[in-house]
Amino acid sequence: MKTVEHTLWVMKTGDEYRIGLTNDIQDDLGAISFVNLPKLGETIQKNESLAELEAEKSVSELTSPLTGTVSQINTEAEANPSLLDNPDNKEAWLVVLTGVDETEFEKL
């Protein structure tokens, strides 16, 4: 698992790259009340919008650390955004990307 700017983590499993919130960003944001995630099949470019979060302390737009195609989204978190406040940050995942250039991941 790699951490990006203390806000996101990226975990590679086979050809999939799961991206989620670190405990640091969870603490900075406070209780999350809304999340807007990309659509399945959407291609996300590195540094483009990955997710919009509304929380008690701020509204934040998170950018993608990688270029890839969205193969999974955390639909449970869309329905219940407080799931993204989980102290086990592996449970606070946003999306899974495929079609990622592994050298881009290695540079994180």
N, C-alpha and C. Protein backbone atom coordinates (compact mmCIF):
# COMPACT_ATOMS: atom_id res chain seq x y z
N MET A 1 0.85 -1.18 0.00
CA MET A 1 0.00 0.00 0.00
C MET A 1 0.89 1.24 0.00
N LYS A 2 0.53 2.19 -0.86
CA LYS A 2 1.27 3.45 -0.93
C LYS A 2 0.36 4.59 -0.51
N THR A 3 0.94 5.59 0.15
CA THR A 3 0.19 6.76 0.58
C THR A 3 0.57 7.94 -0.31
N VAL A 4 -0.45 8.72 -0.69
CA VAL A 4 -0.25 9.87 -1.57
C VAL A 4 -0.62 11.14 -0.80
N GLU A 5 0.37 11.97 -0.54
CA GLU A 5 0.17 13.28 0.11
C GLU A 5 -0.68 13.20 1.37
N HIS A 6 -0.57 12.15 2.12
CA HIS A 6 -1.28 11.96 3.39
C HIS A 6 -2.80 12.00 3.27
N THR A 7 -3.33 11.95 2.03
CA THR A 7 -4.78 12.02 1.86
C THR A 7 -5.36 10.71 1.34
N LEU A 8 -4.67 10.08 0.40
CA LEU A 8 -5.17 8.85 -0.21
C LEU A 8 -4.15 7.73 -0.08
N TRP A 9 -4.67 6.51 -0.06
CA TRP A 9 -3.80 5.34 -0.16
C TRP A 9 -4.19 4.58 -1.43
N VAL A 10 -3.22 3.85 -1.97
CA VAL A 10 -3.44 3.03 -3.16
C VAL A 10 -2.89 1.65 -2.87
N MET A 11 -3.74 0.63 -3.05
CA MET A 11 -3.32 -0.74 -2.82
C MET A 11 -3.49 -1.52 -4.12
N LYS A 12 -2.40 -2.14 -4.56
CA LYS A 12 -2.41 -2.92 -5.80
C LYS A 12 -2.70 -4.37 -5.47
N THR A 13 -3.68 -4.94 -6.16
CA THR A 13 -4.01 -6.36 -6.04
C THR A 13 -4.19 -6.89 -7.46
N GLY A 14 -3.20 -7.64 -7.92
CA GLY A 14 -3.26 -8.11 -9.31
C GLY A 14 -3.23 -6.93 -10.25
N ASP A 15 -4.26 -6.81 -11.10
CA ASP A 15 -4.36 -5.69 -12.05
C ASP A 15 -5.26 -4.57 -11.55
N GLU A 16 -5.68 -4.66 -10.28
CA GLU A 16 -6.59 -3.66 -9.73
C GLU A 16 -5.87 -2.76 -8.72
N TYR A 17 -6.29 -1.51 -8.71
CA TYR A 17 -5.71 -0.51 -7.81
C TYR A 17 -6.84 0.12 -7.00
N ARG A 18 -6.93 -0.25 -5.74
CA ARG A 18 -7.98 0.28 -4.85
C ARG A 18 -7.47 1.57 -4.21
N ILE A 19 -8.29 2.60 -4.23
CA ILE A 19 -7.92 3.91 -3.70
C ILE A 19 -8.88 4.28 -2.57
N GLY A 20 -8.31 4.73 -1.45
CA GLY A 20 -9.15 5.09 -0.31
C GLY A 20 -8.58 6.24 0.49
N LEU A 21 -9.30 6.59 1.55
CA LEU A 21 -8.94 7.73 2.40
C LEU A 21 -8.00 7.29 3.52
N THR A 22 -6.98 8.09 3.77
CA THR A 22 -6.10 7.83 4.91
C THR A 22 -6.75 8.34 6.20
N ASN A 23 -6.23 7.88 7.31
CA ASN A 23 -6.72 8.37 8.60
C ASN A 23 -6.44 9.87 8.75
N ASP A 24 -5.35 10.36 8.17
CA ASP A 24 -5.02 11.79 8.26
C ASP A 24 -6.12 12.65 7.63
N ILE A 25 -6.55 12.31 6.43
CA ILE A 25 -7.59 13.11 5.77
C ILE A 25 -8.93 12.93 6.48
N GLN A 26 -9.18 11.75 7.03
CA GLN A 26 -10.41 11.54 7.79
C GLN A 26 -10.45 12.50 8.98
N ASP A 27 -9.32 12.62 9.69
CA ASP A 27 -9.25 13.53 10.84
C ASP A 27 -9.40 14.98 10.40
N ASP A 28 -8.77 15.35 9.28
CA ASP A 28 -8.84 16.73 8.79
C ASP A 28 -10.26 17.12 8.39
N LEU A 29 -11.00 16.18 7.79
CA LEU A 29 -12.34 16.47 7.29
C LEU A 29 -13.41 16.44 8.38
N GLY A 30 -13.27 15.56 9.34
CA GLY A 30 -14.34 15.33 10.30
C GLY A 30 -15.36 14.38 9.70
N ALA A 31 -16.52 14.32 10.30
CA ALA A 31 -17.56 13.37 9.87
C ALA A 31 -18.00 13.66 8.43
N ILE A 32 -17.91 12.64 7.58
CA ILE A 32 -18.27 12.78 6.17
C ILE A 32 -19.77 12.57 6.00
N SER A 33 -20.42 13.53 5.32
CA SER A 33 -21.88 13.47 5.17
C SER A 33 -22.34 13.23 3.73
N PHE A 34 -21.42 13.40 2.76
CA PHE A 34 -21.79 13.23 1.35
C PHE A 34 -20.55 12.86 0.56
N VAL A 35 -20.72 11.95 -0.40
CA VAL A 35 -19.63 11.60 -1.31
C VAL A 35 -20.19 11.46 -2.72
N ASN A 36 -19.45 12.01 -3.68
CA ASN A 36 -19.80 11.88 -5.09
C ASN A 36 -18.63 11.19 -5.79
N LEU A 37 -18.89 10.00 -6.32
CA LEU A 37 -17.86 9.19 -6.95
C LEU A 37 -18.09 9.12 -8.46
N PRO A 38 -17.04 8.78 -9.22
CA PRO A 38 -17.20 8.66 -10.68
C PRO A 38 -18.09 7.47 -11.04
N LYS A 39 -18.45 7.38 -12.31
CA LYS A 39 -19.30 6.29 -12.80
C LYS A 39 -18.44 5.09 -13.19
N LEU A 40 -19.03 3.90 -13.07
CA LEU A 40 -18.36 2.69 -13.53
C LEU A 40 -18.01 2.82 -15.01
N GLY A 41 -16.83 2.38 -15.38
CA GLY A 41 -16.40 2.45 -16.77
C GLY A 41 -15.78 3.77 -17.18
N GLU A 42 -15.88 4.78 -16.32
CA GLU A 42 -15.32 6.09 -16.63
C GLU A 42 -13.80 6.03 -16.56
N THR A 43 -13.13 6.70 -17.49
CA THR A 43 -11.68 6.79 -17.46
C THR A 43 -11.30 8.07 -16.72
N ILE A 44 -10.47 7.89 -15.70
CA ILE A 44 -10.01 9.01 -14.87
C ILE A 44 -8.55 9.25 -15.20
N GLN A 45 -8.20 10.50 -15.44
CA GLN A 45 -6.80 10.87 -15.68
C GLN A 45 -6.15 11.27 -14.36
N LYS A 46 -4.85 11.01 -14.27
CA LYS A 46 -4.10 11.45 -13.09
C LYS A 46 -4.32 12.95 -12.89
N ASN A 47 -4.52 13.35 -11.65
CA ASN A 47 -4.74 14.73 -11.22
C ASN A 47 -6.11 15.29 -11.61
N GLU A 48 -7.00 14.46 -12.17
CA GLU A 48 -8.39 14.88 -12.40
C GLU A 48 -9.22 14.50 -11.17
N SER A 49 -10.41 15.05 -11.09
CA SER A 49 -11.30 14.80 -9.96
C SER A 49 -11.61 13.31 -9.82
N LEU A 50 -11.43 12.81 -8.61
CA LEU A 50 -11.73 11.41 -8.30
C LEU A 50 -12.99 11.33 -7.44
N ALA A 51 -13.11 12.24 -6.48
CA ALA A 51 -14.25 12.22 -5.57
C ALA A 51 -14.46 13.60 -4.97
N GLU A 52 -15.72 13.90 -4.67
CA GLU A 52 -16.07 15.11 -3.93
C GLU A 52 -16.64 14.67 -2.60
N LEU A 53 -16.13 15.26 -1.53
CA LEU A 53 -16.58 14.91 -0.19
C LEU A 53 -17.08 16.14 0.54
N GLU A 54 -18.21 16.00 1.22
CA GLU A 54 -18.69 17.03 2.12
C GLU A 54 -18.59 16.47 3.52
N ALA A 55 -17.99 17.26 4.41
CA ALA A 55 -17.79 16.82 5.79
C ALA A 55 -18.02 17.99 6.73
N GLU A 56 -17.97 17.70 8.03
CA GLU A 56 -18.30 18.76 9.00
C GLU A 56 -17.30 19.91 8.98
N LYS A 57 -16.06 19.65 8.58
CA LYS A 57 -15.04 20.70 8.59
C LYS A 57 -14.79 21.35 7.24
N SER A 58 -15.15 20.67 6.15
CA SER A 58 -14.88 21.25 4.83
C SER A 58 -15.55 20.46 3.72
N VAL A 59 -15.52 21.05 2.54
CA VAL A 59 -15.91 20.36 1.31
C VAL A 59 -14.62 20.20 0.52
N SER A 60 -14.34 18.99 0.07
CA SER A 60 -13.07 18.72 -0.59
C SER A 60 -13.27 17.98 -1.90
N GLU A 61 -12.42 18.31 -2.85
CA GLU A 61 -12.35 17.56 -4.09
C GLU A 61 -11.00 16.85 -4.10
N LEU A 62 -11.05 15.54 -4.20
CA LEU A 62 -9.82 14.75 -4.21
C LEU A 62 -9.48 14.40 -5.66
N THR A 63 -8.21 14.49 -6.00
CA THR A 63 -7.78 14.17 -7.35
C THR A 63 -7.14 12.79 -7.39
N SER A 64 -7.23 12.18 -8.54
CA SER A 64 -6.72 10.83 -8.71
C SER A 64 -5.19 10.82 -8.79
N PRO A 65 -4.56 9.90 -8.06
CA PRO A 65 -3.11 9.77 -8.15
C PRO A 65 -2.67 8.96 -9.38
N LEU A 66 -3.63 8.33 -10.07
CA LEU A 66 -3.33 7.46 -11.20
C LEU A 66 -4.32 7.68 -12.34
N THR A 67 -3.92 7.26 -13.55
CA THR A 67 -4.83 7.21 -14.68
C THR A 67 -5.33 5.79 -14.81
N GLY A 68 -6.63 5.62 -14.97
CA GLY A 68 -7.19 4.28 -15.13
C GLY A 68 -8.69 4.33 -15.35
N THR A 69 -9.27 3.15 -15.49
CA THR A 69 -10.71 3.01 -15.71
C THR A 69 -11.36 2.52 -14.42
N VAL A 70 -12.46 3.16 -14.04
CA VAL A 70 -13.17 2.80 -12.82
C VAL A 70 -13.87 1.45 -13.02
N SER A 71 -13.45 0.44 -12.26
CA SER A 71 -14.05 -0.89 -12.38
C SER A 71 -14.98 -1.20 -11.20
N GLN A 72 -14.79 -0.47 -10.09
CA GLN A 72 -15.67 -0.62 -8.93
C GLN A 72 -15.77 0.72 -8.22
N ILE A 73 -16.93 0.98 -7.64
CA ILE A 73 -17.08 2.12 -6.74
C ILE A 73 -17.68 1.60 -5.45
N ASN A 74 -17.42 2.31 -4.38
CA ASN A 74 -17.96 1.92 -3.07
C ASN A 74 -19.39 2.44 -2.97
N THR A 75 -20.34 1.64 -3.50
CA THR A 75 -21.74 2.05 -3.50
C THR A 75 -22.30 2.14 -2.08
N GLU A 76 -21.78 1.32 -1.18
CA GLU A 76 -22.23 1.39 0.22
C GLU A 76 -21.89 2.75 0.82
N ALA A 77 -20.71 3.28 0.49
CA ALA A 77 -20.31 4.59 1.02
C ALA A 77 -21.12 5.71 0.38
N GLU A 78 -21.53 5.53 -0.89
CA GLU A 78 -22.39 6.55 -1.51
C GLU A 78 -23.72 6.62 -0.77
N ALA A 79 -24.25 5.47 -0.37
CA ALA A 79 -25.53 5.43 0.35
C ALA A 79 -25.37 5.85 1.81
N ASN A 80 -24.21 5.55 2.40
CA ASN A 80 -23.96 5.85 3.81
C ASN A 80 -22.54 6.39 3.94
N PRO A 81 -22.32 7.69 3.66
CA PRO A 81 -20.98 8.27 3.64
C PRO A 81 -20.20 8.12 4.94
N SER A 82 -20.88 7.93 6.06
CA SER A 82 -20.16 7.78 7.33
C SER A 82 -19.26 6.55 7.33
N LEU A 83 -19.49 5.60 6.40
CA LEU A 83 -18.60 4.44 6.29
C LEU A 83 -17.17 4.87 5.96
N LEU A 84 -17.02 6.03 5.34
CA LEU A 84 -15.68 6.53 5.00
C LEU A 84 -14.94 7.09 6.21
N ASP A 85 -15.61 7.16 7.37
CA ASP A 85 -14.97 7.60 8.60
C ASP A 85 -14.34 6.44 9.36
N ASN A 86 -14.40 5.24 8.81
CA ASN A 86 -13.90 4.05 9.48
C ASN A 86 -12.42 4.19 9.83
N PRO A 87 -12.04 3.97 11.11
CA PRO A 87 -10.63 4.07 11.49
C PRO A 87 -9.75 3.02 10.81
N ASP A 88 -10.35 1.91 10.37
CA ASP A 88 -9.61 0.95 9.55
C ASP A 88 -9.67 1.49 8.13
N ASN A 89 -8.63 2.25 7.75
CA ASN A 89 -8.73 2.97 6.48
C ASN A 89 -8.87 2.05 5.26
N LYS A 90 -8.58 0.77 5.39
CA LYS A 90 -8.81 -0.15 4.26
C LYS A 90 -10.30 -0.28 3.96
N GLU A 91 -11.13 0.01 4.94
CA GLU A 91 -12.58 -0.02 4.75
C GLU A 91 -13.09 1.30 4.16
N ALA A 92 -12.26 2.33 4.19
CA ALA A 92 -12.65 3.66 3.70
C ALA A 92 -12.20 3.84 2.25
N TRP A 93 -12.52 2.85 1.42
CA TRP A 93 -12.10 2.91 0.02
C TRP A 93 -13.16 3.61 -0.83
N LEU A 94 -12.69 4.21 -1.92
CA LEU A 94 -13.55 4.98 -2.80
C LEU A 94 -13.83 4.24 -4.11
N VAL A 95 -12.75 3.91 -4.82
CA VAL A 95 -12.88 3.30 -6.15
C VAL A 95 -11.78 2.27 -6.36
N VAL A 96 -12.00 1.44 -7.37
CA VAL A 96 -10.96 0.53 -7.87
C VAL A 96 -10.74 0.88 -9.34
N LEU A 97 -9.47 1.06 -9.71
CA LEU A 97 -9.11 1.36 -11.09
C LEU A 97 -8.43 0.16 -11.73
N THR A 98 -8.66 -0.02 -13.02
CA THR A 98 -7.93 -1.00 -13.81
C THR A 98 -7.31 -0.27 -15.00
N GLY A 99 -6.45 -0.97 -15.73
CA GLY A 99 -5.81 -0.35 -16.89
C GLY A 99 -4.80 0.71 -16.49
N VAL A 100 -4.24 0.56 -15.29
CA VAL A 100 -3.27 1.53 -14.77
C VAL A 100 -1.87 1.13 -15.25
N ASP A 101 -1.08 2.11 -15.63
CA ASP A 101 0.32 1.88 -15.99
C ASP A 101 1.08 1.63 -14.68
N GLU A 102 1.64 0.44 -14.53
CA GLU A 102 2.30 0.09 -13.27
C GLU A 102 3.46 1.01 -12.93
N THR A 103 4.14 1.57 -13.94
CA THR A 103 5.24 2.48 -13.63
C THR A 103 4.71 3.76 -12.98
N GLU A 104 3.48 4.16 -13.33
CA GLU A 104 2.86 5.32 -12.69
C GLU A 104 2.62 5.02 -11.20
N PHE A 105 2.18 3.80 -10.90
CA PHE A 105 1.97 3.38 -9.51
C PHE A 105 3.30 3.34 -8.76
N GLU A 106 4.33 2.80 -9.39
CA GLU A 106 5.64 2.69 -8.73
C GLU A 106 6.22 4.06 -8.39
N LYS A 107 5.85 5.09 -9.14
CA LYS A 107 6.39 6.45 -8.90
C LYS A 107 5.69 7.17 -7.74
N LEU A 108 4.62 6.60 -7.22
CA LEU A 108 3.90 7.25 -6.13
C LEU A 108 4.76 7.35 -4.88
